[in-house]
């Protein structure tokens, strides 16, 4: 070992993977992770916050106890390194790993395209044309030649060894040697009961019609629906409130609280500023004169006092496509906005400028700069953009971003409430999910929000409602709700009278490693009982009904009676397991 801690960790993990003969796809299936996530761990591009995550990969590769202990030592050094504390991924080699993932362990058929490090900047997102490297800095390639004679033979033997280890081993997690921190296979938590708020289930409206969802939601956010600053104030001194009036009126009729998002400087307020990604000349720069900012916000809050419940003070503060000014200026704009809004509407909730691109080092640095300058001292809530690296990744991978944000706040000495107020700019370039996965991921998007309750996450605004050029469509304007939308509504109905009390996964909660769950107390009129929502992040798992379990409900509205000792199969579709009172 001679490199940075993250490289040393990846070196051992990659060697275990190479020796096992398993492909990334095979390891992903066995560990309940996505293929790209396993690949990034083996490349040192990311270091997970939980050792249990790496242990699953190592055990699937047939690691010995000594190797598990060495892996743990390297992991503790990696998470304690300055690079990890700053949110910087490990260094990535400039060439593919020595063991290209071109074949399965027991055959000679080339595997599907895989990902390896490629040249060019990391973390770029583009609006069109040829796909560039993803947030992890990877591009597709295909291996063209293979020598499988020895790999196949060795792979068969190691497959048997891996199966033996996975099925026969019941030893506890390796005990740390020396002065190393305790690790917990989690995350998991138990907290005092708290009612599940309806406002957790938000959507961003992608229409200027004023129409609202016809399935159950708890809050609406206004962006990409005709309400940018440049659209409301096309000229200095001239305001067009017609679209925003429709939105606010529609939300009032539906009984939904409104989050208004500020962003998109008018061309007249910054004539020389860089263009934002809109066709009407909207600028990404702050206004040349911040008095123009003050005037707009004063007019806005005066018109909608008591009708708009929350204000997000810029759509994306750390993405130069949407904000190209300095962080010092953004903090000053936040300070001025807070003073204006609080003076006119003290009941309104102030959400600091949204921070996205958190999978990239550049995005994290800008977010941390805003925090270091004291920006969050002017707001009630921090707005962050949570999304998977790719739509097919498990929604639970967003928890990595929440943990990253929480650590940054801890270093800054602050602990604001969190709202998830958006997604990635490149979402429109990402292909649609099939109907089953779209349904499951839509529901698990909100369950991930529930899961992060222990990190102060309060709201999840799904992007978007009304649009159709996105991976998961909930409802087109004028159309009927999709199966995904109806499943989200079903989840909300499960939780109308529920109070959350714990969430966890795997052995930490006595479940198979790929099973996740959240537990609730349900206080319906005349029926006070316990309930659990369970799902897997990949594959299936068999569990046994406990002594008080009475029924299992599914997202399609069906339910079945269950007796103690019955087998309950858990899949990627969340189910509700209810117990007798």
Protein backbone atom coordinates (compact mmCIF):
# COMPACT_ATOMS: atom_id res chain seq x y z
CA UNK A 1 0.00 0.00 0.00
CA UNK A 2 1.56 3.28 -1.00
CA UNK A 3 -1.18 5.58 -2.21
CA UNK A 4 -3.87 7.73 -0.59
CA UNK A 5 -6.16 5.95 1.91
CA UNK A 6 -9.02 5.74 -0.60
CA UNK A 7 -6.69 4.21 -3.20
CA UNK A 8 -5.40 1.66 -0.70
CA UNK A 9 -8.93 0.68 0.19
CA UNK A 10 -9.92 0.34 -3.46
CA UNK A 11 -6.77 -1.66 -4.21
CA UNK A 12 -7.73 -4.38 -1.74
CA UNK A 13 -11.38 -4.43 -2.81
CA UNK A 14 -10.43 -4.64 -6.48
CA UNK A 15 -8.02 -7.49 -5.73
CA UNK A 16 -10.77 -9.41 -3.93
CA UNK A 17 -13.06 -8.85 -6.88
CA UNK A 18 -10.40 -9.92 -9.39
CA UNK A 19 -9.55 -13.04 -7.44
CA UNK A 20 -13.20 -14.08 -7.15
CA UNK A 21 -13.71 -13.98 -10.91
CA UNK A 22 -17.11 -12.36 -10.42
CA UNK A 23 -18.32 -9.58 -12.69
CA UNK A 24 -19.60 -6.28 -11.35
CA UNK A 25 -23.07 -7.36 -12.44
CA UNK A 26 -22.80 -10.60 -10.45
CA UNK A 27 -21.56 -8.79 -7.36
CA UNK A 28 -24.34 -6.23 -7.68
CA UNK A 29 -26.96 -8.99 -7.70
CA UNK A 30 -25.45 -10.67 -4.63
CA UNK A 31 -25.08 -7.49 -2.58
CA UNK A 32 -28.29 -5.68 -3.52
CA UNK A 33 -26.37 -2.71 -4.93
CA UNK A 34 -26.28 -1.24 -8.40
CA UNK A 35 -23.55 -2.42 -10.76
CA UNK A 36 -22.15 1.11 -11.09
CA UNK A 37 -21.92 1.52 -7.31
CA UNK A 38 -19.85 -1.65 -6.89
CA UNK A 39 -17.62 -0.48 -9.73
CA UNK A 40 -17.06 2.91 -8.09
CA UNK A 41 -16.12 1.28 -4.78
CA UNK A 42 -13.55 -0.93 -6.52
CA UNK A 43 -12.14 2.08 -8.36
CA UNK A 44 -11.86 4.24 -5.24
CA UNK A 45 -14.14 6.92 -6.66
CA UNK A 46 -16.33 6.91 -3.56
CA UNK A 47 -15.85 5.69 0.00
CA UNK A 48 -19.07 4.57 1.72
CA UNK A 49 -19.88 5.95 5.16
CA UNK A 50 -20.74 2.45 6.41
CA UNK A 51 -18.18 -0.35 6.57
CA UNK A 52 -21.03 -2.86 6.32
CA UNK A 53 -21.49 -1.83 2.69
CA UNK A 54 -17.93 -2.84 1.80
CA UNK A 55 -18.15 -5.98 3.92
CA UNK A 56 -21.05 -7.22 1.80
CA UNK A 57 -18.94 -6.87 -1.36
CA UNK A 58 -15.92 -8.52 0.26
CA UNK A 59 -17.94 -11.46 1.61
CA UNK A 60 -19.49 -11.97 -1.83
CA UNK A 61 -15.92 -12.24 -3.13
CA UNK A 62 -15.01 -14.88 -0.56
CA UNK A 63 -12.79 -12.69 1.64
CA UNK A 64 -11.19 -14.35 4.64
CA UNK A 65 -11.58 -13.03 8.17
CA UNK A 66 -8.07 -11.58 8.03
CA UNK A 67 -8.92 -9.83 4.76
CA UNK A 68 -12.12 -8.44 6.26
CA UNK A 69 -10.13 -7.04 9.17
CA UNK A 70 -7.58 -5.50 6.79
CA UNK A 71 -10.43 -4.04 4.71
CA UNK A 72 -11.87 -2.52 7.89
CA UNK A 73 -8.52 -0.95 8.83
CA UNK A 74 -8.17 0.59 5.37
CA UNK A 75 -11.76 1.86 5.48
CA UNK A 76 -11.21 3.60 8.84
CA UNK A 77 -8.14 5.34 7.44
CA UNK A 78 -10.05 6.39 4.31
CA UNK A 79 -13.00 7.95 6.17
CA UNK A 80 -10.61 9.72 8.56
CA UNK A 81 -8.55 11.20 5.72
CA UNK A 82 -8.69 14.95 4.92
CA UNK A 83 -9.95 14.12 1.42
CA UNK A 84 -12.98 12.29 2.78
CA UNK A 85 -13.64 15.00 5.38
CA UNK A 86 -13.70 17.54 2.55
CA UNK A 87 -16.09 15.40 0.54
CA UNK A 88 -13.50 14.63 -2.16
CA UNK A 89 -13.59 11.17 -3.78
CA UNK A 90 -10.52 9.01 -4.01
CA UNK A 91 -8.19 9.41 -6.93
CA UNK A 92 -9.12 7.42 -10.01
CA UNK A 93 -6.47 5.60 -12.06
CA UNK A 94 -6.13 6.85 -15.63
CA UNK A 95 -6.46 3.38 -17.15
CA UNK A 96 -8.94 0.49 -16.76
CA UNK A 97 -8.38 -1.95 -13.91
CA UNK A 98 -6.19 -4.98 -14.61
CA UNK A 99 -9.19 -7.29 -14.62
CA UNK A 100 -11.63 -5.96 -17.26
CA UNK A 101 -15.13 -7.12 -16.50
CA UNK A 102 -15.60 -8.68 -19.91
CA UNK A 103 -16.75 -12.18 -18.96
CA UNK A 104 -18.84 -13.89 -16.39
CA UNK A 105 -16.98 -16.30 -14.12
CA UNK A 106 -18.36 -19.42 -15.75
CA UNK A 107 -18.65 -18.63 -19.43
CA UNK A 108 -17.01 -17.07 -22.44
CA UNK A 109 -19.75 -14.67 -23.51
CA UNK A 110 -18.76 -10.99 -23.30
CA UNK A 111 -20.61 -9.11 -20.57
CA UNK A 112 -22.65 -5.99 -21.32
CA UNK A 113 -20.98 -2.62 -21.65
CA UNK A 114 -19.36 -1.56 -18.42
CA UNK A 115 -17.94 1.67 -17.05
CA UNK A 116 -14.30 2.67 -16.74
CA UNK A 117 -12.55 5.93 -16.05
CA UNK A 118 -12.30 8.11 -19.12
CA UNK A 119 -10.60 11.38 -19.98
CA UNK A 120 -12.25 14.71 -19.53
CA UNK A 121 -13.72 16.69 -16.62
CA UNK A 122 -15.61 14.85 -13.92
CA UNK A 123 -19.16 15.50 -12.92
CA UNK A 124 -20.29 17.36 -16.06
CA UNK A 125 -23.93 17.36 -17.03
CA UNK A 126 -24.95 18.40 -20.51
CA UNK A 127 -28.15 19.52 -22.11
CA UNK A 128 -27.83 17.57 -25.33
CA UNK A 129 -25.57 15.89 -27.86
CA UNK A 130 -23.14 13.08 -27.15
CA UNK A 131 -23.25 11.86 -23.54
CA UNK A 132 -20.27 12.97 -21.48
CA UNK A 133 -18.81 11.30 -18.40
CA UNK A 134 -21.29 10.96 -15.58
CA UNK A 135 -20.95 12.40 -12.10
CA UNK A 136 -18.47 9.65 -11.35
CA UNK A 137 -16.33 10.52 -14.37
CA UNK A 138 -16.97 7.32 -16.32
CA UNK A 139 -17.77 6.47 -19.93
CA UNK A 140 -18.85 3.19 -21.53
CA UNK A 141 -16.39 0.84 -23.19
CA UNK A 142 -16.45 -2.75 -24.31
CA UNK A 143 -13.63 -5.24 -23.94
CA UNK A 144 -12.78 -6.78 -27.33
CA UNK A 145 -10.73 -9.85 -26.50
CA UNK A 146 -10.80 -12.40 -23.73
CA UNK A 147 -8.82 -15.41 -22.57
CA UNK A 148 -11.26 -17.46 -20.54
CA UNK A 149 -9.47 -20.80 -20.22
CA UNK A 150 -8.03 -20.22 -16.75
CA UNK A 151 -10.56 -17.63 -15.60
CA UNK A 152 -13.45 -20.02 -16.06
CA UNK A 153 -11.83 -22.82 -14.08
CA UNK A 154 -10.76 -20.53 -11.24
CA UNK A 155 -14.11 -18.74 -11.26
CA UNK A 156 -16.07 -21.97 -10.75
CA UNK A 157 -14.03 -22.88 -7.69
CA UNK A 158 -14.37 -19.42 -6.19
CA UNK A 159 -18.09 -19.34 -6.90
CA UNK A 160 -18.40 -22.44 -4.72
CA UNK A 161 -16.25 -20.81 -2.06
CA UNK A 162 -18.33 -17.60 -2.09
CA UNK A 163 -21.57 -19.56 -1.80
CA UNK A 164 -20.14 -21.52 1.12
CA UNK A 165 -19.08 -18.35 2.91
CA UNK A 166 -22.40 -16.61 2.32
CA UNK A 167 -24.54 -19.52 3.42
CA UNK A 168 -22.48 -21.09 6.18
CA UNK A 169 -20.87 -18.14 7.94
CA UNK A 170 -22.71 -16.74 10.93
CA UNK A 171 -19.74 -15.10 12.60
CA UNK A 172 -20.16 -11.54 13.88
CA UNK A 173 -18.67 -8.56 12.11
CA UNK A 174 -14.90 -8.33 12.54
CA UNK A 175 -13.86 -6.78 15.80
CA UNK A 176 -11.66 -3.72 15.19
CA UNK A 177 -8.06 -4.12 16.24
CA UNK A 178 -6.06 -1.25 17.63
CA UNK A 179 -7.46 2.23 18.09
CA UNK A 180 -10.13 2.26 15.38
CA UNK A 181 -13.67 3.69 15.51
CA UNK A 182 -16.69 1.49 16.00
CA UNK A 183 -18.59 0.62 12.84
CA UNK A 184 -22.28 0.01 12.58
CA UNK A 185 -23.94 -1.86 9.72
CA UNK A 186 -26.62 0.68 9.01
CA UNK A 187 -27.77 3.29 8.82
CA UNK A 188 -30.49 2.60 11.36
CA UNK A 189 -32.17 4.68 14.01
CA UNK A 190 -34.88 4.74 16.67
CA UNK A 191 -36.42 8.05 17.74
CA UNK A 192 -39.47 9.24 19.68
CA UNK A 193 -42.63 8.79 17.65
CA UNK A 194 -43.46 11.62 15.27
CA UNK A 195 -46.43 11.89 12.94
CA UNK A 196 -45.60 11.49 9.26
CA UNK A 197 -46.35 14.95 7.83
CA UNK A 198 -48.47 15.19 4.73
CA UNK A 199 -46.06 17.85 3.43
CA UNK A 200 -43.35 15.21 3.07
CA UNK A 201 -45.01 14.25 -0.22
CA UNK A 202 -44.33 17.25 -2.45
CA UNK A 203 -44.12 17.73 -6.21
CA UNK A 204 -42.67 20.44 -8.45
CA UNK A 205 -45.22 21.72 -10.96
CA UNK A 206 -44.10 21.72 -14.59
CA UNK A 207 -46.98 23.63 -16.10
CA UNK A 208 -48.26 27.19 -16.18
CA UNK A 209 -51.93 26.24 -16.26
CA UNK A 210 -52.59 26.36 -12.53
CA UNK A 211 -53.79 22.75 -12.64
CA UNK A 212 -52.99 20.56 -9.64
CA UNK A 213 -52.39 16.80 -9.33
CA UNK A 214 -55.55 14.70 -9.21
CA UNK A 215 -53.89 12.13 -6.93
CA UNK A 216 -52.97 12.78 -3.30
CA UNK A 217 -49.92 15.00 -2.65
CA UNK A 218 -49.00 17.18 0.30
CA UNK A 219 -47.24 20.26 -1.08
CA UNK A 220 -46.32 21.95 -4.37
CA UNK A 221 -43.20 23.74 -5.54
CA UNK A 222 -43.21 26.26 -8.39
CA UNK A 223 -40.41 26.08 -10.97
CA UNK A 224 -40.30 25.54 -14.73
CA UNK A 225 -43.92 26.60 -14.89
CA UNK A 226 -43.76 30.24 -16.02
CA UNK A 227 -42.75 31.84 -12.71
CA UNK A 228 -39.09 32.79 -13.16
CA UNK A 229 -38.18 36.33 -12.16
CA UNK A 230 -37.54 37.15 -15.82
CA UNK A 231 -41.05 35.95 -16.74
CA UNK A 232 -42.81 37.83 -13.95
CA UNK A 233 -40.87 41.10 -14.41
CA UNK A 234 -39.96 41.34 -18.10
CA UNK A 235 -39.14 45.07 -17.76
CA UNK A 236 -38.10 47.27 -14.87
CA UNK A 237 -41.26 48.47 -13.16
CA UNK A 238 -43.56 46.04 -15.05
CA UNK A 239 -44.98 42.91 -13.43
CA UNK A 240 -47.06 40.11 -14.93
CA UNK A 241 -48.60 38.08 -12.11
CA UNK A 242 -51.09 36.14 -14.25
CA UNK A 243 -49.33 32.74 -14.22
CA UNK A 244 -48.39 32.93 -10.55
CA UNK A 245 -51.95 33.95 -9.69
CA UNK A 246 -53.19 30.78 -11.41
CA UNK A 247 -50.73 28.61 -9.51
CA UNK A 248 -51.49 30.12 -6.12
CA UNK A 249 -55.23 30.04 -6.74
CA UNK A 250 -55.11 26.39 -7.81
CA UNK A 251 -53.06 25.42 -4.77
CA UNK A 252 -55.45 27.23 -2.45
CA UNK A 253 -58.42 25.35 -3.88
CA UNK A 254 -56.55 22.06 -3.43
CA UNK A 255 -55.46 22.96 0.10
CA UNK A 256 -51.77 22.65 -0.78
CA UNK A 257 -48.97 24.83 0.65
CA UNK A 258 -46.85 26.61 -1.96
CA UNK A 259 -43.05 26.83 -2.17
CA UNK A 260 -42.13 29.67 -4.55
CA UNK A 261 -38.66 29.43 -6.12
CA UNK A 262 -36.77 32.59 -7.01
CA UNK A 263 -34.36 32.47 -9.93
CA UNK A 264 -33.71 33.57 -13.49
CA UNK A 265 -32.49 37.19 -13.57
CA UNK A 266 -34.23 39.35 -16.22
CA UNK A 267 -31.98 40.49 -19.10
CA UNK A 268 -32.55 44.15 -18.22
CA UNK A 269 -31.19 43.57 -14.69
CA UNK A 270 -27.90 42.05 -15.93
CA UNK A 271 -27.43 42.90 -19.63
CA UNK A 272 -23.90 41.51 -19.82
CA UNK A 273 -24.51 38.48 -17.61
CA UNK A 274 -24.15 34.93 -18.95
CA UNK A 275 -27.25 33.28 -20.30
CA UNK A 276 -29.18 30.72 -18.28
CA UNK A 277 -30.47 27.58 -20.09
CA UNK A 278 -33.75 29.19 -21.21
CA UNK A 279 -34.73 30.57 -24.64
CA UNK A 280 -35.96 33.98 -23.46
CA UNK A 281 -32.63 35.57 -22.56
CA UNK A 282 -32.85 34.85 -18.84
CA UNK A 283 -29.52 35.51 -17.17
CA UNK A 284 -27.58 33.29 -14.76
CA UNK A 285 -25.83 36.26 -13.17
CA UNK A 286 -27.13 38.12 -10.13
CA UNK A 287 -28.58 41.56 -10.88
CA UNK A 288 -26.03 44.32 -11.41
CA UNK A 289 -27.87 46.42 -8.83
CA UNK A 290 -29.15 44.48 -5.81
CA UNK A 291 -31.81 47.14 -5.32
CA UNK A 292 -33.60 45.50 -8.28
CA UNK A 293 -33.60 42.27 -6.27
CA UNK A 294 -35.09 44.09 -3.30
CA UNK A 295 -37.83 45.67 -5.40
CA UNK A 296 -38.90 42.37 -6.95
CA UNK A 297 -39.05 40.53 -3.63
CA UNK A 298 -40.93 43.38 -1.97
CA UNK A 299 -43.58 43.34 -4.70
CA UNK A 300 -43.77 39.53 -4.58
CA UNK A 301 -44.28 39.14 -0.85
CA UNK A 302 -46.65 42.12 -0.66
CA UNK A 303 -48.96 40.49 -3.22
CA UNK A 304 -48.88 36.98 -1.76
CA UNK A 305 -48.52 37.48 2.00
CA UNK A 306 -50.28 34.56 3.71
CA UNK A 307 -50.86 32.81 0.37
CA UNK A 308 -47.33 31.60 -0.40
CA UNK A 309 -46.10 29.61 2.58
CA UNK A 310 -42.39 29.25 1.72
CA UNK A 311 -39.73 30.87 -0.49
CA UNK A 312 -36.66 29.15 -1.93
CA UNK A 313 -34.25 32.05 -2.38
CA UNK A 314 -32.54 30.76 -5.55
CA UNK A 315 -33.15 27.67 -7.61
CA UNK A 316 -29.55 26.39 -7.81
CA UNK A 317 -26.92 28.39 -6.02
CA UNK A 318 -23.93 26.17 -6.83
CA UNK A 319 -24.52 25.50 -10.53
CA UNK A 320 -23.10 28.17 -12.83
CA UNK A 321 -25.74 27.46 -15.44
CA UNK A 322 -28.25 28.98 -13.01
CA UNK A 323 -26.08 31.21 -10.79
CA UNK A 324 -22.78 32.58 -12.09
CA UNK A 325 -22.06 35.12 -9.36
CA UNK A 326 -19.88 34.86 -6.29
CA UNK A 327 -20.91 33.06 -3.11
CA UNK A 328 -20.42 36.32 -1.23
CA UNK A 329 -23.06 37.95 -3.42
CA UNK A 330 -25.43 35.01 -3.01
CA UNK A 331 -25.12 35.23 0.77
CA UNK A 332 -25.85 38.97 0.59
CA UNK A 333 -28.90 38.35 -1.64
CA UNK A 334 -30.08 35.75 0.88
CA UNK A 335 -29.62 38.17 3.77
CA UNK A 336 -31.55 40.93 2.02
CA UNK A 337 -34.35 38.60 0.94
CA UNK A 338 -34.73 37.28 4.47
CA UNK A 339 -35.12 40.77 5.87
CA UNK A 340 -37.71 41.77 3.26
CA UNK A 341 -39.84 38.63 3.52
CA UNK A 342 -39.77 38.38 7.30
CA UNK A 343 -40.79 42.02 7.67
CA UNK A 344 -43.84 41.54 5.44
CA UNK A 345 -44.79 37.91 6.20
CA UNK A 346 -43.17 36.63 9.42
CA UNK A 347 -45.02 33.30 9.12
CA UNK A 348 -43.36 32.40 5.80
CA UNK A 349 -40.65 29.73 5.75
CA UNK A 350 -37.36 30.80 4.17
CA UNK A 351 -35.44 28.13 2.27
CA UNK A 352 -31.82 28.98 1.50
CA UNK A 353 -30.70 28.79 -2.16
CA UNK A 354 -30.91 25.23 -3.44
CA UNK A 355 -27.64 23.33 -3.59
CA UNK A 356 -27.23 20.60 -6.18
CA UNK A 357 -24.41 18.72 -7.96
CA UNK A 358 -23.59 17.12 -4.62
CA UNK A 359 -22.19 14.02 -6.33
CA UNK A 360 -19.36 16.25 -7.61
CA UNK A 361 -16.44 17.79 -5.73
CA UNK A 362 -17.12 21.17 -7.37
CA UNK A 363 -20.74 21.18 -6.20
CA UNK A 364 -19.76 20.22 -2.65
CA UNK A 365 -17.08 22.91 -2.45
CA UNK A 366 -19.53 25.65 -3.47
CA UNK A 367 -22.13 24.38 -0.99
CA UNK A 368 -19.54 24.30 1.78
CA UNK A 369 -18.43 27.83 0.87
CA UNK A 370 -21.99 29.13 1.26
CA UNK A 371 -22.15 27.48 4.69
CA UNK A 372 -18.73 28.86 5.74
CA UNK A 373 -19.83 32.39 4.81
CA UNK A 374 -22.80 32.11 7.18
CA UNK A 375 -25.46 31.89 4.49
CA UNK A 376 -27.58 29.39 6.40
CA UNK A 377 -27.89 31.80 9.30
CA UNK A 378 -30.43 33.79 7.29
CA UNK A 379 -32.88 30.95 6.55
CA UNK A 380 -35.17 28.50 8.30
CA UNK A 381 -34.40 25.55 6.00
CA UNK A 382 -31.56 24.34 3.78
CA UNK A 383 -32.63 23.36 0.27
CA UNK A 384 -30.68 20.46 -1.27
CA UNK A 385 -31.11 18.53 -4.52
CA UNK A 386 -31.24 14.80 -3.88
CA UNK A 387 -31.12 12.32 -6.74
CA UNK A 388 -29.41 9.09 -7.70
CA UNK A 389 -26.40 9.19 -9.98
CA UNK A 390 -28.59 7.50 -12.59
CA UNK A 391 -32.36 6.86 -12.44
CA UNK A 392 -31.83 3.09 -12.35
CA UNK A 393 -29.73 3.31 -9.17
CA UNK A 394 -31.61 2.53 -5.94
CA UNK A 395 -33.33 5.64 -4.54
CA UNK A 396 -31.74 4.77 -1.20
CA UNK A 397 -28.38 5.84 -2.66
CA UNK A 398 -29.56 9.41 -2.06
CA UNK A 399 -28.87 8.82 1.63
CA UNK A 400 -25.16 9.13 0.81
CA UNK A 401 -25.80 12.75 -0.21
CA UNK A 402 -27.85 13.45 2.92
CA UNK A 403 -25.00 12.10 5.06
CA UNK A 404 -22.48 14.22 3.13
CA UNK A 405 -24.59 17.33 3.74
CA UNK A 406 -25.05 16.49 7.42
CA UNK A 407 -21.30 16.13 7.92
CA UNK A 408 -20.63 19.45 6.19
CA UNK A 409 -23.15 21.16 8.45
CA UNK A 410 -21.60 19.52 11.50
CA UNK A 411 -18.18 20.88 10.54
CA UNK A 412 -19.75 24.33 10.12
CA UNK A 413 -21.44 24.06 13.53
CA UNK A 414 -24.99 24.30 12.21
CA UNK A 415 -27.88 21.84 11.95
CA UNK A 416 -30.65 23.32 9.79
CA UNK A 417 -33.80 21.52 8.73
CA UNK A 418 -33.57 20.01 5.25
CA UNK A 419 -35.94 20.04 2.29
CA UNK A 420 -35.20 18.16 -0.91
CA UNK A 421 -36.14 20.75 -3.51
CA UNK A 422 -35.13 19.30 -6.84
CA UNK A 423 -33.01 17.04 -8.96
CA UNK A 424 -30.21 17.12 -11.50
CA UNK A 425 -30.21 19.34 -14.58
CA UNK A 426 -29.58 16.33 -16.80
CA UNK A 427 -32.78 14.53 -15.82
CA UNK A 428 -34.38 15.26 -19.19
CA UNK A 429 -31.56 13.38 -20.91
CA UNK A 430 -32.14 10.21 -18.91
CA UNK A 431 -34.29 7.49 -20.41
CA UNK A 432 -37.61 6.37 -18.94
CA UNK A 433 -37.84 3.52 -16.46
CA UNK A 434 -40.13 0.60 -17.13
CA UNK A 435 -43.51 0.73 -15.42
CA UNK A 436 -42.67 -1.59 -12.53
CA UNK A 437 -39.40 0.08 -11.66
CA UNK A 438 -40.93 3.55 -12.06
CA UNK A 439 -43.65 2.63 -9.56
CA UNK A 440 -41.20 1.15 -7.05
CA UNK A 441 -38.70 3.98 -7.34
CA UNK A 442 -41.35 6.68 -7.02
CA UNK A 443 -42.56 5.18 -3.75
CA UNK A 444 -39.04 4.58 -2.46
CA UNK A 445 -38.12 8.19 -3.28
CA UNK A 446 -40.48 9.28 -0.53
CA UNK A 447 -39.54 6.38 1.75
CA UNK A 448 -35.94 7.58 1.50
CA UNK A 449 -37.15 10.91 2.81
CA UNK A 450 -38.77 9.14 5.76
CA UNK A 451 -35.60 7.14 6.28
CA UNK A 452 -33.58 10.36 6.59
CA UNK A 453 -35.76 11.75 9.37
CA UNK A 454 -32.84 11.32 11.78
CA UNK A 455 -30.85 13.78 9.62
CA UNK A 456 -33.54 16.52 9.78
CA UNK A 457 -34.96 15.86 6.30
CA UNK A 458 -38.58 17.04 6.32
CA UNK A 459 -39.83 17.35 2.74
CA UNK A 460 -39.32 15.63 -0.61
CA UNK A 461 -40.37 17.55 -3.74
CA UNK A 462 -40.54 15.07 -6.62
CA UNK A 463 -39.49 16.50 -9.98
CA UNK A 464 -41.85 16.82 -11.60
CA UNK A 465 -45.62 16.84 -11.99
CA UNK A 466 -47.07 17.60 -15.42
CA UNK A 467 -44.01 16.74 -17.52
CA UNK A 468 -43.49 13.59 -19.57
CA UNK A 469 -39.83 13.76 -20.71
CA UNK A 470 -38.44 12.39 -17.46
CA UNK A 471 -37.59 8.89 -16.16
CA UNK A 472 -40.66 8.63 -13.91
CA UNK A 473 -43.90 10.25 -15.02
CA UNK A 474 -46.56 10.81 -12.37
CA UNK A 475 -49.24 12.52 -14.44
CA UNK A 476 -49.32 14.53 -17.64
CA UNK A 477 -51.29 17.75 -17.55
CA UNK A 478 -54.86 16.81 -18.45
CA UNK A 479 -54.07 13.10 -18.17
CA UNK A 480 -54.78 10.47 -15.55
CA UNK A 481 -52.33 9.47 -12.82
CA UNK A 482 -49.85 6.75 -13.77
CA UNK A 483 -49.34 3.56 -11.79
CA UNK A 484 -46.39 5.30 -10.13
CA UNK A 485 -48.59 8.18 -8.99
CA UNK A 486 -51.29 5.85 -7.68
CA UNK A 487 -48.66 3.90 -5.76
CA UNK A 488 -47.41 7.13 -4.17
CA UNK A 489 -50.98 7.88 -3.19
CA UNK A 490 -51.32 4.39 -1.70
CA UNK A 491 -48.18 4.96 0.38
CA UNK A 492 -49.64 8.19 1.73
CA UNK A 493 -52.89 6.47 2.67
CA UNK A 494 -50.95 3.82 4.55
CA UNK A 495 -49.39 6.61 6.59
CA UNK A 496 -52.33 8.99 7.20
CA UNK A 497 -52.57 8.03 10.89
CA UNK A 498 -48.98 6.83 11.26
CA UNK A 499 -46.12 8.02 13.44
CA UNK A 500 -42.61 6.93 12.51
CA UNK A 501 -40.39 5.51 15.22
CA UNK A 502 -37.50 3.67 13.55
CA UNK A 503 -35.85 2.81 10.24
CA UNK A 504 -33.03 0.42 9.44
CA UNK A 505 -31.84 -2.32 7.14
CA UNK A 506 -30.07 -5.63 7.09
CA UNK A 507 -28.66 -7.33 10.13
CA UNK A 508 -28.94 -4.13 12.18
CA UNK A 509 -32.70 -4.74 12.32
CA UNK A 510 -32.63 -8.54 12.17
CA UNK A 511 -33.42 -8.72 8.47
CA UNK A 512 -31.62 -10.15 5.43
CA UNK A 513 -28.91 -7.80 4.22
CA UNK A 514 -30.87 -6.43 1.26
CA UNK A 515 -34.07 -5.68 3.22
CA UNK A 516 -34.89 -2.14 4.32
CA UNK A 517 -37.73 -1.14 6.60
CA UNK A 518 -39.37 1.67 8.53
CA UNK A 519 -41.60 1.04 11.55
CA UNK A 520 -44.65 3.00 12.59
CA UNK A 521 -47.36 3.21 15.19
CA UNK A 522 -50.77 3.61 13.55
CA UNK A 523 -53.53 5.28 15.55
CA UNK A 524 -56.67 4.88 13.45
CA UNK A 525 -60.05 5.48 15.10
CA UNK A 526 -60.70 2.39 17.21
CA UNK A 527 -57.52 0.62 16.09
CA UNK A 528 -54.09 1.35 17.56
CA UNK A 529 -51.47 -1.01 16.12
CA UNK A 530 -47.93 -1.34 14.81
CA UNK A 531 -46.98 -1.49 11.14
CA UNK A 532 -43.80 -1.88 9.11
CA UNK A 533 -43.05 -0.99 5.50
CA UNK A 534 -40.44 -3.34 4.03
CA UNK A 535 -38.68 -3.55 0.69
CA UNK A 536 -35.38 -4.62 -0.84
CA UNK A 537 -32.88 -2.48 -2.72
CA UNK A 538 -32.38 -5.38 -5.12
CA UNK A 539 -33.55 -8.96 -5.53
CA UNK A 540 -35.86 -10.74 -3.12
CA UNK A 541 -35.69 -12.04 0.44
CA UNK A 542 -37.72 -14.50 2.49
CA UNK A 543 -38.83 -13.44 5.99
CA UNK A 544 -41.01 -15.10 8.60
CA UNK A 545 -44.13 -13.46 10.01
CA UNK A 546 -43.81 -12.66 13.70
CA UNK A 547 -46.28 -13.74 16.39
CA UNK A 548 -48.52 -10.68 16.03
CA UNK A 549 -48.47 -10.13 12.25
CA UNK A 550 -51.97 -10.13 10.80
CA UNK A 551 -51.88 -8.82 7.21
CA UNK A 552 -49.77 -7.69 4.27
CA UNK A 553 -50.93 -4.88 1.97
CA UNK A 554 -49.54 -4.08 -1.46
CA UNK A 555 -49.29 -0.97 -3.60
CA UNK A 556 -52.01 -2.15 -5.97
CA UNK A 557 -54.52 -1.99 -3.12
CA UNK A 558 -54.71 -5.73 -2.47
CA UNK A 559 -54.19 -7.27 0.96
CA UNK A 560 -53.91 -10.76 2.36
CA UNK A 561 -54.24 -12.24 5.82
CA UNK A 562 -51.03 -13.63 7.33
CA UNK A 563 -50.54 -16.04 10.20
CA UNK A 564 -47.54 -16.18 12.53
CA UNK A 565 -44.79 -18.29 10.98
CA UNK A 566 -45.91 -17.71 7.39
CA UNK A 567 -43.24 -16.86 4.85
CA UNK A 568 -43.39 -13.27 3.58
CA UNK A 569 -41.43 -12.59 0.39
CA UNK A 570 -39.89 -9.12 0.22
CA UNK A 571 -39.15 -7.58 -3.19
CA UNK A 572 -38.22 -4.18 -4.56
CA UNK A 573 -41.92 -3.24 -4.26
CA UNK A 574 -42.57 -1.89 -0.74
CA UNK A 575 -45.25 -3.71 1.26
CA UNK A 576 -47.10 -2.84 4.46
CA UNK A 577 -46.91 -5.47 7.20
CA UNK A 578 -49.49 -4.85 9.95
CA UNK A 579 -49.62 -6.40 13.40
CA UNK A 580 -52.44 -6.98 15.83
CA UNK A 581 -52.86 -4.36 18.54
